[in-house]
Amino acid sequence: MFIYRKLIFYIVIIFLFSSDINARSIIVDAEIDNLLNQYASELYEVSALNTEEIEIYVVLDPSINASVTPKGKIFINTGLIMESDTPNQVSSIIAHEMGHVINNHHITRRIESQIMSKNQIIAQIIGIGAGVSGALSDSNAMVDIGTGITLGGNKIATREFLKYSRQQEYEADMAAVRLMESSGQSSKGLLEVFQKIRASSRVYGDELNRLDLTHDLPEERINLLEIKISEQKSFKKVDSQELIHKYNLVKAKLIGYLGLRDNYDVGSLYSKYINAIRYYQKGKLDLAESAMTDIIEIEESPYFFEFLAQIYRDKFEFEKSLEYIEKSINSLSIRDPQIEMLYADILINIGDTKSILKGIDILESSSINTIMRPKIHWQLSKAYYEIDNISKADLNIAKYYSLIGDLDSAKRFSERAKQGLKYSSPDWLAADDIQNIN
């Protein structure tokens, strides 16, 4: 079984204590996230959305799908990335999900689903009542009728909801076409993804009840879209070779880490990347190092440098690791919080006070998203402990436990932290806040 090694590529099980999602396996990786954000940024620029309004996550799920939550979080399945043939197909789906946000569907759906739930509850009460009556009269026929009413009531509520969701899907499609056109991109990818879904659904088509679906069947949506997309000025525009190359590197990374089939030509850069990742996953660090060194001689990339830095870090060769992580950072045009996490980790492991303080500064100023925030506090706790600042170490471990939901441990460490922190200081107040969490 492969071990998902730290920092270079995370798979995080997210338990969000909200109505957004229950539990999802979220992939966190700088190369993958930055590519999707590149796709999205072109769409943000021509929309009225603030970039802070939407967060994009990659979900470990083989189905060709994406979704948006009531809070505007967009989830892109690994299946969509792996089964898509072009970057344009993924971009078009991101545009579609942004279309839901633009039209406030993530808000209205919450209201509509609440109405649907009320209808379901009423129907279930009626059905259960009939079922109980049947059971008391020892009548199998009545029990069956009761069950039928319950199921029928759910279907009625679902069908009532469909008239909203189908209209919303159409509105999101049209918004996607406008966004893609305004950003100078073709919307062909949207059609192509729907065609893939249609092809896969044909296997089960005879078993589907059209009224049980929460979306129109792809064929119906395709008919509406074909007319609109054919009128686009950018209809025939294709992805640049650079964008296609970056996309193939992301697919290669997913193939390597997830143990998927390698369909790239033997000896290609993508196949070499897959092999390097597989060596790393199996703990064959010398082979992974050799493979990545060869790749970097062919092409330099901040993510290749990042990977080689991770390999050297795992071999405890921290000076070499530092050399390559700094190359990675210097070759990026923007700050990347995930790569900076690795940078800080390397500095802390080098172990001298100057390096540790620099690592702390990087972590304290990090703009890392909420998913990886617990890891930040775990690293900070380790760093402060190394320089004998035990109170700050305790405070950060308390923050770590509070974020992962272990309130007993969080309160225990926050109490310890308060004893060494200045009364009413920001850190003392932060520890006190943790103690007062209910």
Protein backbone atom coordinates (compact mmCIF):
# COMPACT_ATOMS: atom_id res chain seq x y z
CA MET A 1 0.00 0.00 0.00
CA PHE A 2 1.35 3.42 -0.94
CA ILE A 3 2.02 5.93 1.82
CA TYR A 4 1.00 9.50 1.01
CA ARG A 5 4.15 11.30 2.11
CA LYS A 6 3.91 14.65 3.79
CA LEU A 7 4.15 18.14 2.35
CA ILE A 8 4.65 17.33 -1.34
CA PHE A 9 1.16 15.93 -1.77
CA TYR A 10 -1.49 15.72 0.92
CA ILE A 11 -4.69 13.78 1.02
CA VAL A 12 -6.68 15.23 3.87
CA ILE A 13 -9.91 13.82 5.27
CA ILE A 14 -11.95 16.91 5.97
CA PHE A 15 -14.69 16.82 8.58
CA LEU A 16 -16.38 20.19 8.24
CA PHE A 17 -18.79 20.95 11.04
CA SER A 18 -21.24 22.66 8.73
CA SER A 19 -23.94 21.87 6.21
CA ASP A 20 -21.48 22.17 3.32
CA ILE A 21 -20.22 18.61 3.24
CA ASN A 22 -19.92 15.63 5.51
CA ALA A 23 -16.50 14.10 4.96
CA ARG A 24 -14.43 14.32 1.82
CA SER A 25 -10.93 13.28 0.91
CA ILE A 26 -9.33 16.50 -0.27
CA ILE A 27 -6.06 16.51 -2.22
CA VAL A 28 -3.80 19.42 -1.34
CA ASP A 29 -0.88 20.00 -3.69
CA ALA A 30 0.79 23.21 -4.87
CA GLU A 31 1.14 22.18 -8.52
CA ILE A 32 -2.45 20.97 -8.85
CA ASP A 33 -3.99 23.82 -6.87
CA ASN A 34 -2.06 26.50 -8.73
CA LEU A 35 -3.06 25.13 -12.13
CA LEU A 36 -6.76 25.12 -11.19
CA ASN A 37 -6.40 28.61 -9.74
CA GLN A 38 -4.79 29.70 -13.01
CA TYR A 39 -7.86 28.44 -14.87
CA ALA A 40 -10.15 30.17 -12.40
CA SER A 41 -8.25 33.48 -12.29
CA GLU A 42 -8.94 34.13 -15.98
CA LEU A 43 -12.63 33.66 -15.25
CA TYR A 44 -12.55 35.78 -12.08
CA GLU A 45 -11.18 38.70 -14.06
CA VAL A 46 -14.26 38.88 -16.28
CA SER A 47 -16.78 38.15 -13.54
CA ALA A 48 -18.15 40.32 -10.78
CA LEU A 49 -16.87 37.88 -8.19
CA ASN A 50 -14.23 38.62 -5.61
CA THR A 51 -11.44 36.02 -5.62
CA GLU A 52 -12.00 35.60 -1.89
CA GLU A 53 -15.58 34.48 -2.48
CA ILE A 54 -14.64 31.12 -3.96
CA GLU A 55 -12.31 28.36 -2.83
CA ILE A 56 -11.45 25.48 -5.15
CA TYR A 57 -10.65 22.02 -3.79
CA VAL A 58 -9.76 18.74 -5.47
CA VAL A 59 -11.78 15.77 -4.22
CA LEU A 60 -10.46 12.21 -4.35
CA ASP A 61 -13.36 10.81 -6.36
CA PRO A 62 -13.12 8.96 -9.71
CA SER A 63 -16.47 10.19 -11.06
CA ILE A 64 -16.61 12.94 -13.70
CA ASN A 65 -18.14 15.62 -11.56
CA ALA A 66 -17.81 18.93 -9.76
CA SER A 67 -20.01 20.70 -7.24
CA VAL A 68 -20.48 23.95 -5.36
CA THR A 69 -21.59 24.19 -1.74
CA PRO A 70 -23.94 26.72 -0.09
CA LYS A 71 -20.84 28.60 1.08
CA GLY A 72 -19.38 28.89 -2.41
CA LYS A 73 -16.71 26.19 -2.14
CA ILE A 74 -16.08 24.51 -5.50
CA PHE A 75 -15.06 20.85 -5.46
CA ILE A 76 -13.42 19.35 -8.55
CA ASN A 77 -13.28 15.55 -8.63
CA THR A 78 -10.05 13.82 -9.59
CA GLY A 79 -12.20 11.89 -12.08
CA LEU A 80 -12.96 15.12 -13.95
CA ILE A 81 -9.25 15.96 -14.19
CA MET A 82 -8.23 12.45 -15.23
CA GLU A 83 -11.04 11.85 -17.74
CA SER A 84 -10.90 15.27 -19.37
CA ASP A 85 -8.81 15.49 -22.52
CA THR A 86 -7.97 19.19 -22.42
CA PRO A 87 -7.55 22.03 -19.92
CA ASN A 88 -10.52 23.71 -21.61
CA GLN A 89 -12.83 20.95 -20.44
CA VAL A 90 -11.86 21.50 -16.80
CA SER A 91 -11.99 25.30 -17.18
CA SER A 92 -15.49 25.08 -18.64
CA ILE A 93 -16.71 23.08 -15.65
CA ILE A 94 -15.14 25.58 -13.25
CA ALA A 95 -16.97 28.30 -15.19
CA HIS A 96 -20.21 26.33 -14.80
CA GLU A 97 -19.75 26.06 -11.03
CA MET A 98 -18.89 29.76 -10.86
CA GLY A 99 -22.13 30.32 -12.77
CA HIS A 100 -24.01 28.83 -9.83
CA VAL A 101 -22.29 31.30 -7.50
CA ILE A 102 -22.90 34.27 -9.82
CA ASN A 103 -26.62 33.41 -9.87
CA ASN A 104 -26.67 32.89 -6.08
CA HIS A 105 -27.79 29.28 -6.49
CA HIS A 106 -25.60 28.28 -3.56
CA ILE A 107 -27.88 30.48 -1.44
CA THR A 108 -31.25 29.79 -3.05
CA ARG A 109 -30.64 26.04 -3.08
CA ARG A 110 -30.29 26.09 0.68
CA ILE A 111 -33.74 27.68 0.97
CA GLU A 112 -35.26 25.37 -1.64
CA SER A 113 -33.77 22.27 -0.03
CA GLN A 114 -35.27 23.34 3.29
CA ILE A 115 -38.69 23.58 1.60
CA MET A 116 -38.09 20.17 0.04
CA SER A 117 -37.17 18.73 3.43
CA LYS A 118 -40.41 20.02 4.95
CA ASN A 119 -42.41 18.39 2.15
CA GLN A 120 -40.53 15.15 2.72
CA ILE A 121 -41.21 15.25 6.46
CA ILE A 122 -44.95 15.76 5.90
CA ALA A 123 -45.03 12.92 3.36
CA GLN A 124 -43.10 10.62 5.68
CA ILE A 125 -45.47 11.35 8.57
CA ILE A 126 -48.43 10.43 6.36
CA GLY A 127 -46.67 7.29 5.15
CA ILE A 128 -45.51 6.19 8.58
CA GLY A 129 -49.01 6.76 9.94
CA ALA A 130 -50.52 4.47 7.33
CA GLY A 131 -47.77 1.92 7.92
CA VAL A 132 -48.39 1.89 11.66
CA SER A 133 -52.13 1.48 11.09
CA GLY A 134 -51.43 -1.47 8.83
CA ALA A 135 -49.08 -3.03 11.34
CA LEU A 136 -51.60 -2.68 14.15
CA SER A 137 -54.33 -4.30 12.05
CA ASP A 138 -51.90 -7.05 10.99
CA SER A 139 -52.56 -6.19 7.36
CA ASN A 140 -49.61 -6.71 5.02
CA ALA A 141 -51.48 -4.82 2.34
CA MET A 142 -51.77 -1.77 4.54
CA VAL A 143 -48.08 -1.91 5.48
CA ASP A 144 -47.20 -1.99 1.79
CA ILE A 145 -49.48 0.96 1.14
CA GLY A 146 -47.85 2.85 3.98
CA THR A 147 -44.39 2.24 2.54
CA GLY A 148 -45.63 3.30 -0.87
CA ILE A 149 -46.95 6.58 0.47
CA THR A 150 -43.66 7.30 2.19
CA LEU A 151 -41.63 6.69 -0.97
CA GLY A 152 -44.16 8.49 -3.10
CA GLY A 153 -44.07 11.48 -0.79
CA ASN A 154 -40.30 11.70 -1.13
CA LYS A 155 -40.59 11.56 -4.91
CA ILE A 156 -43.20 14.31 -4.93
CA ALA A 157 -40.91 16.52 -2.87
CA THR A 158 -37.96 15.68 -5.13
CA ARG A 159 -39.93 16.49 -8.27
CA GLU A 160 -41.03 19.78 -6.73
CA PHE A 161 -37.36 20.58 -6.18
CA LEU A 162 -36.43 19.64 -9.76
CA LYS A 163 -38.20 22.59 -11.33
CA TYR A 164 -35.75 24.83 -9.44
CA SER A 165 -32.55 22.81 -9.92
CA ARG A 166 -33.04 22.27 -13.66
CA GLN A 167 -33.55 25.98 -14.23
CA GLN A 168 -30.46 26.67 -12.15
CA GLU A 169 -28.38 24.26 -14.22
CA TYR A 170 -29.48 26.06 -17.39
CA GLU A 171 -28.60 29.43 -15.85
CA ALA A 172 -25.19 28.11 -14.77
CA ASP A 173 -24.55 26.76 -18.28
CA MET A 174 -25.35 30.12 -19.84
CA ALA A 175 -23.20 31.93 -17.29
CA ALA A 176 -20.33 29.55 -18.09
CA VAL A 177 -20.62 30.31 -21.81
CA ARG A 178 -20.54 34.05 -21.10
CA LEU A 179 -17.53 33.73 -18.79
CA MET A 180 -15.58 31.62 -21.26
CA GLU A 181 -16.39 33.96 -24.14
CA SER A 182 -15.48 37.06 -22.12
CA SER A 183 -12.13 35.52 -21.18
CA GLY A 184 -11.42 34.63 -24.82
CA GLN A 185 -11.93 30.89 -24.39
CA SER A 186 -14.12 28.39 -26.17
CA SER A 187 -16.93 26.67 -24.30
CA LYS A 188 -16.53 23.48 -26.33
CA GLY A 189 -15.12 21.82 -23.24
CA LEU A 190 -18.48 22.05 -21.51
CA LEU A 191 -20.14 20.17 -24.36
CA GLU A 192 -17.36 17.61 -24.45
CA VAL A 193 -17.65 16.86 -20.74
CA PHE A 194 -21.42 16.47 -21.04
CA GLN A 195 -20.86 14.06 -23.91
CA LYS A 196 -18.56 12.02 -21.70
CA ILE A 197 -21.20 11.94 -18.97
CA ARG A 198 -23.85 11.00 -21.52
CA ALA A 199 -21.70 8.14 -22.80
CA SER A 200 -21.11 6.81 -19.29
CA SER A 201 -24.78 7.14 -18.31
CA ARG A 202 -25.94 5.07 -21.29
CA VAL A 203 -24.73 1.97 -19.47
CA TYR A 204 -27.38 2.60 -16.83
CA GLY A 205 -29.83 4.54 -18.97
CA ASP A 206 -32.63 1.96 -18.94
CA GLU A 207 -32.64 1.96 -15.15
CA LEU A 208 -32.94 5.73 -14.78
CA ASN A 209 -36.22 7.44 -14.05
CA ARG A 210 -35.95 10.89 -15.57
CA LEU A 211 -38.01 12.41 -12.77
CA ASP A 212 -35.63 11.01 -10.15
CA LEU A 213 -32.70 13.02 -11.53
CA THR A 214 -31.64 16.28 -9.92
CA HIS A 215 -30.33 17.52 -13.29
CA ASP A 216 -31.58 17.25 -16.81
CA LEU A 217 -30.04 14.38 -18.72
CA PRO A 218 -26.93 15.54 -20.57
CA GLU A 219 -28.60 15.06 -24.01
CA GLU A 220 -31.18 17.71 -23.22
CA ARG A 221 -28.65 20.20 -21.95
CA ILE A 222 -26.36 19.52 -24.90
CA ASN A 223 -29.11 20.49 -27.33
CA LEU A 224 -29.52 23.85 -25.61
CA LEU A 225 -25.80 24.46 -25.35
CA GLU A 226 -24.83 23.54 -28.89
CA ILE A 227 -26.77 26.45 -30.34
CA LYS A 228 -25.34 28.97 -27.90
CA ILE A 229 -21.75 27.75 -28.08
CA SER A 230 -21.71 27.58 -31.88
CA GLU A 231 -22.31 31.35 -31.90
CA GLN A 232 -19.16 32.04 -29.88
CA LYS A 233 -16.40 34.07 -31.50
CA SER A 234 -13.90 31.89 -29.61
CA PHE A 235 -15.60 28.62 -30.54
CA LYS A 236 -12.58 27.26 -32.45
CA LYS A 237 -9.94 28.50 -30.04
CA VAL A 238 -7.75 25.76 -28.54
CA ASP A 239 -5.53 25.56 -25.47
CA SER A 240 -1.92 26.67 -25.73
CA GLN A 241 0.80 24.03 -25.76
CA GLU A 242 2.13 25.42 -22.48
CA LEU A 243 -1.25 24.99 -20.79
CA ILE A 244 -1.62 21.46 -22.18
CA HIS A 245 1.87 20.60 -20.91
CA LYS A 246 1.09 21.83 -17.38
CA TYR A 247 -2.17 19.89 -17.46
CA ASN A 248 -0.39 16.68 -18.46
CA LEU A 249 2.10 17.14 -15.61
CA VAL A 250 -0.80 17.39 -13.16
CA LYS A 251 -2.39 14.26 -14.60
CA ALA A 252 0.97 12.49 -14.38
CA LYS A 253 1.28 13.49 -10.72
CA LEU A 254 -2.17 12.09 -9.94
CA ILE A 255 -1.35 8.87 -11.80
CA GLY A 256 1.84 8.49 -9.78
CA TYR A 257 0.39 9.19 -6.36
CA LEU A 258 -2.92 7.40 -6.82
CA GLY A 259 -1.46 4.31 -8.48
CA LEU A 260 -3.41 4.78 -11.71
CA ARG A 261 -2.50 3.36 -15.08
CA ASP A 262 0.26 5.18 -16.97
CA ASN A 263 -0.97 5.85 -20.50
CA TYR A 264 1.88 8.16 -21.48
CA ASP A 265 4.58 7.11 -23.91
CA VAL A 266 7.45 5.22 -22.30
CA GLY A 267 10.39 7.58 -21.88
CA SER A 268 8.27 10.73 -22.08
CA LEU A 269 8.73 13.44 -19.47
CA TYR A 270 5.31 12.59 -18.04
CA SER A 271 6.15 8.91 -17.70
CA LYS A 272 9.48 9.80 -16.06
CA TYR A 273 7.60 12.02 -13.58
CA ILE A 274 5.21 9.19 -12.77
CA ASN A 275 8.11 6.80 -12.16
CA ALA A 276 9.89 9.29 -9.88
CA ILE A 277 6.73 9.70 -7.81
CA ARG A 278 6.23 5.94 -7.59
CA TYR A 279 9.81 5.45 -6.41
CA TYR A 280 9.19 8.09 -3.76
CA GLN A 281 5.93 6.50 -2.68
CA LYS A 282 7.68 3.16 -2.21
CA GLY A 283 10.43 4.76 -0.12
CA LYS A 284 13.09 4.28 -2.82
CA LEU A 285 14.47 7.76 -2.26
CA ASP A 286 17.78 7.29 -4.09
CA LEU A 287 15.94 6.19 -7.24
CA ALA A 288 13.46 9.05 -6.86
CA GLU A 289 16.35 11.50 -6.47
CA SER A 290 18.10 10.15 -9.57
CA ALA A 291 14.88 10.27 -11.61
CA MET A 292 14.10 13.85 -10.61
CA THR A 293 17.68 14.99 -11.24
CA ASP A 294 17.39 13.60 -14.78
CA ILE A 295 14.03 15.33 -15.27
CA ILE A 296 15.41 18.70 -14.12
CA GLU A 297 18.18 18.40 -16.71
CA ILE A 298 15.43 18.22 -19.34
CA GLU A 299 13.16 20.91 -17.88
CA GLU A 300 13.22 23.14 -14.83
CA SER A 301 10.01 23.69 -12.89
CA PRO A 302 9.29 25.09 -9.42
CA TYR A 303 7.37 21.90 -8.69
CA PHE A 304 10.26 19.67 -9.80
CA PHE A 305 12.52 21.67 -7.47
CA GLU A 306 9.92 21.32 -4.70
CA PHE A 307 9.76 17.55 -5.18
CA LEU A 308 13.55 17.17 -5.12
CA ALA A 309 13.68 19.34 -1.99
CA GLN A 310 11.15 17.00 -0.37
CA ILE A 311 13.22 13.95 -1.33
CA TYR A 312 16.37 15.44 0.21
CA ARG A 313 14.39 16.47 3.28
CA ASP A 314 13.22 12.88 3.76
CA LYS A 315 16.84 11.73 3.36
CA PHE A 316 17.78 14.20 6.13
CA GLU A 317 20.03 16.08 3.70
CA PHE A 318 18.68 19.43 4.81
CA GLU A 319 21.29 21.68 3.17
CA LYS A 320 20.58 20.18 -0.26
CA SER A 321 16.88 20.34 0.51
CA LEU A 322 17.23 24.04 1.34
CA GLU A 323 19.03 24.68 -1.96
CA TYR A 324 16.19 23.23 -4.02
CA ILE A 325 13.30 24.67 -2.06
CA GLU A 326 14.83 28.13 -2.49
CA LYS A 327 15.12 27.44 -6.23
CA SER A 328 11.44 26.52 -6.21
CA ILE A 329 10.42 29.70 -4.39
CA ASN A 330 12.63 31.92 -6.56
CA SER A 331 11.17 30.48 -9.78
CA LEU A 332 7.57 31.13 -8.74
CA SER A 333 5.93 34.42 -9.65
CA ILE A 334 3.69 34.34 -6.58
CA ARG A 335 4.03 33.20 -2.98
CA ASP A 336 2.80 29.67 -2.55
CA PRO A 337 1.82 28.82 1.04
CA GLN A 338 2.22 25.06 0.59
CA ILE A 339 5.76 25.39 -0.73
CA GLU A 340 6.50 27.86 2.05
CA MET A 341 5.35 25.24 4.55
CA LEU A 342 8.03 22.90 3.22
CA TYR A 343 10.56 25.75 3.29
CA ALA A 344 9.77 26.43 6.96
CA ASP A 345 9.91 22.73 7.80
CA ILE A 346 13.39 22.45 6.27
CA LEU A 347 14.63 25.53 8.14
CA ILE A 348 13.30 24.22 11.44
CA ASN A 349 14.98 20.87 10.85
CA ILE A 350 18.32 22.56 10.09
CA GLY A 351 18.10 23.41 13.76
CA ASP A 352 20.12 26.56 14.42
CA THR A 353 18.30 29.44 16.09
CA LYS A 354 18.53 31.75 13.06
CA SER A 355 16.99 29.15 10.75
CA ILE A 356 14.26 28.26 13.24
CA LEU A 357 13.29 31.91 13.72
CA LYS A 358 13.14 32.36 9.95
CA GLY A 359 10.92 29.28 9.71
CA ILE A 360 8.64 30.67 12.42
CA ASP A 361 8.39 33.98 10.57
CA ILE A 362 7.37 32.18 7.36
CA LEU A 363 4.70 30.15 9.15
CA GLU A 364 3.32 33.10 11.13
CA SER A 365 2.92 35.15 7.95
CA SER A 366 1.49 32.29 5.90
CA SER A 367 -1.79 32.78 4.07
CA ILE A 368 -2.44 29.04 4.05
CA ASN A 369 -6.09 28.05 3.75
CA THR A 370 -8.12 26.51 6.55
CA ILE A 371 -7.54 22.93 5.40
CA MET A 372 -3.82 23.05 6.16
CA ARG A 373 -4.02 25.47 9.09
CA PRO A 374 -3.75 22.65 11.67
CA LYS A 375 -0.43 21.61 10.08
CA ILE A 376 0.84 25.19 10.39
CA HIS A 377 0.18 25.21 14.13
CA TRP A 378 1.74 21.77 14.55
CA GLN A 379 4.93 23.02 12.87
CA LEU A 380 4.92 26.23 14.91
CA SER A 381 4.59 24.24 18.11
CA LYS A 382 7.64 22.18 17.17
CA ALA A 383 9.62 25.31 16.25
CA TYR A 384 8.83 27.19 19.46
CA TYR A 385 9.68 24.11 21.50
CA GLU A 386 13.10 23.94 19.79
CA ILE A 387 13.92 27.47 20.98
CA ASP A 388 12.48 26.82 24.47
CA ASN A 389 9.46 29.09 24.09
CA ILE A 390 7.22 26.53 25.76
CA SER A 391 4.21 28.83 26.23
CA LYS A 392 4.03 29.63 22.51
CA ALA A 393 4.55 25.95 21.75
CA ASP A 394 1.62 25.08 24.02
CA LEU A 395 -0.55 27.80 22.47
CA ASN A 396 0.03 26.49 18.97
CA ILE A 397 -0.60 22.89 19.92
CA ALA A 398 -3.82 24.10 21.59
CA LYS A 399 -4.81 25.79 18.31
CA TYR A 400 -3.99 22.59 16.47
CA TYR A 401 -6.26 20.51 18.70
CA SER A 402 -9.07 23.08 18.56
CA LEU A 403 -9.01 22.98 14.75
CA ILE A 404 -9.20 19.20 14.57
CA GLY A 405 -12.03 19.11 17.11
CA ASP A 406 -10.21 17.71 20.16
CA LEU A 407 -11.44 20.37 22.59
CA ASP A 408 -10.32 18.57 25.75
CA SER A 409 -6.70 18.55 24.60
CA ALA A 410 -7.03 22.10 23.25
CA LYS A 411 -8.24 23.41 26.60
CA ARG A 412 -5.56 21.52 28.50
CA PHE A 413 -2.74 23.01 26.42
CA SER A 414 -4.30 26.49 26.38
CA GLU A 415 -4.41 26.46 30.19
CA ARG A 416 -0.71 25.57 30.25
CA ALA A 417 0.03 28.30 27.70
CA LYS A 418 -1.74 31.00 29.73
CA GLN A 419 0.51 30.35 32.71
CA GLY A 420 3.56 31.54 30.79
CA LEU A 421 1.97 34.27 28.65
CA LYS A 422 1.59 37.91 29.58
CA TYR A 423 -1.87 38.59 30.98
CA SER A 424 -4.24 40.17 28.40
CA SER A 425 -1.64 39.96 25.62
CA PRO A 426 -2.97 38.85 22.20
CA ASP A 427 -1.53 35.36 22.75
CA TRP A 428 -3.01 35.13 26.26
CA LEU A 429 -6.41 36.19 24.92
CA ALA A 430 -6.15 33.61 22.12
CA ALA A 431 -5.47 30.90 24.71
CA ASP A 432 -8.34 32.18 26.84
CA ASP A 433 -10.69 32.08 23.85
CA ILE A 434 -9.85 28.41 23.31
CA GLN A 435 -10.63 27.68 26.95
CA ASN A 436 -14.06 29.27 26.56
CA ILE A 437 -15.09 27.25 23.51
CA ASN A 438 -18.27 25.32 24.27
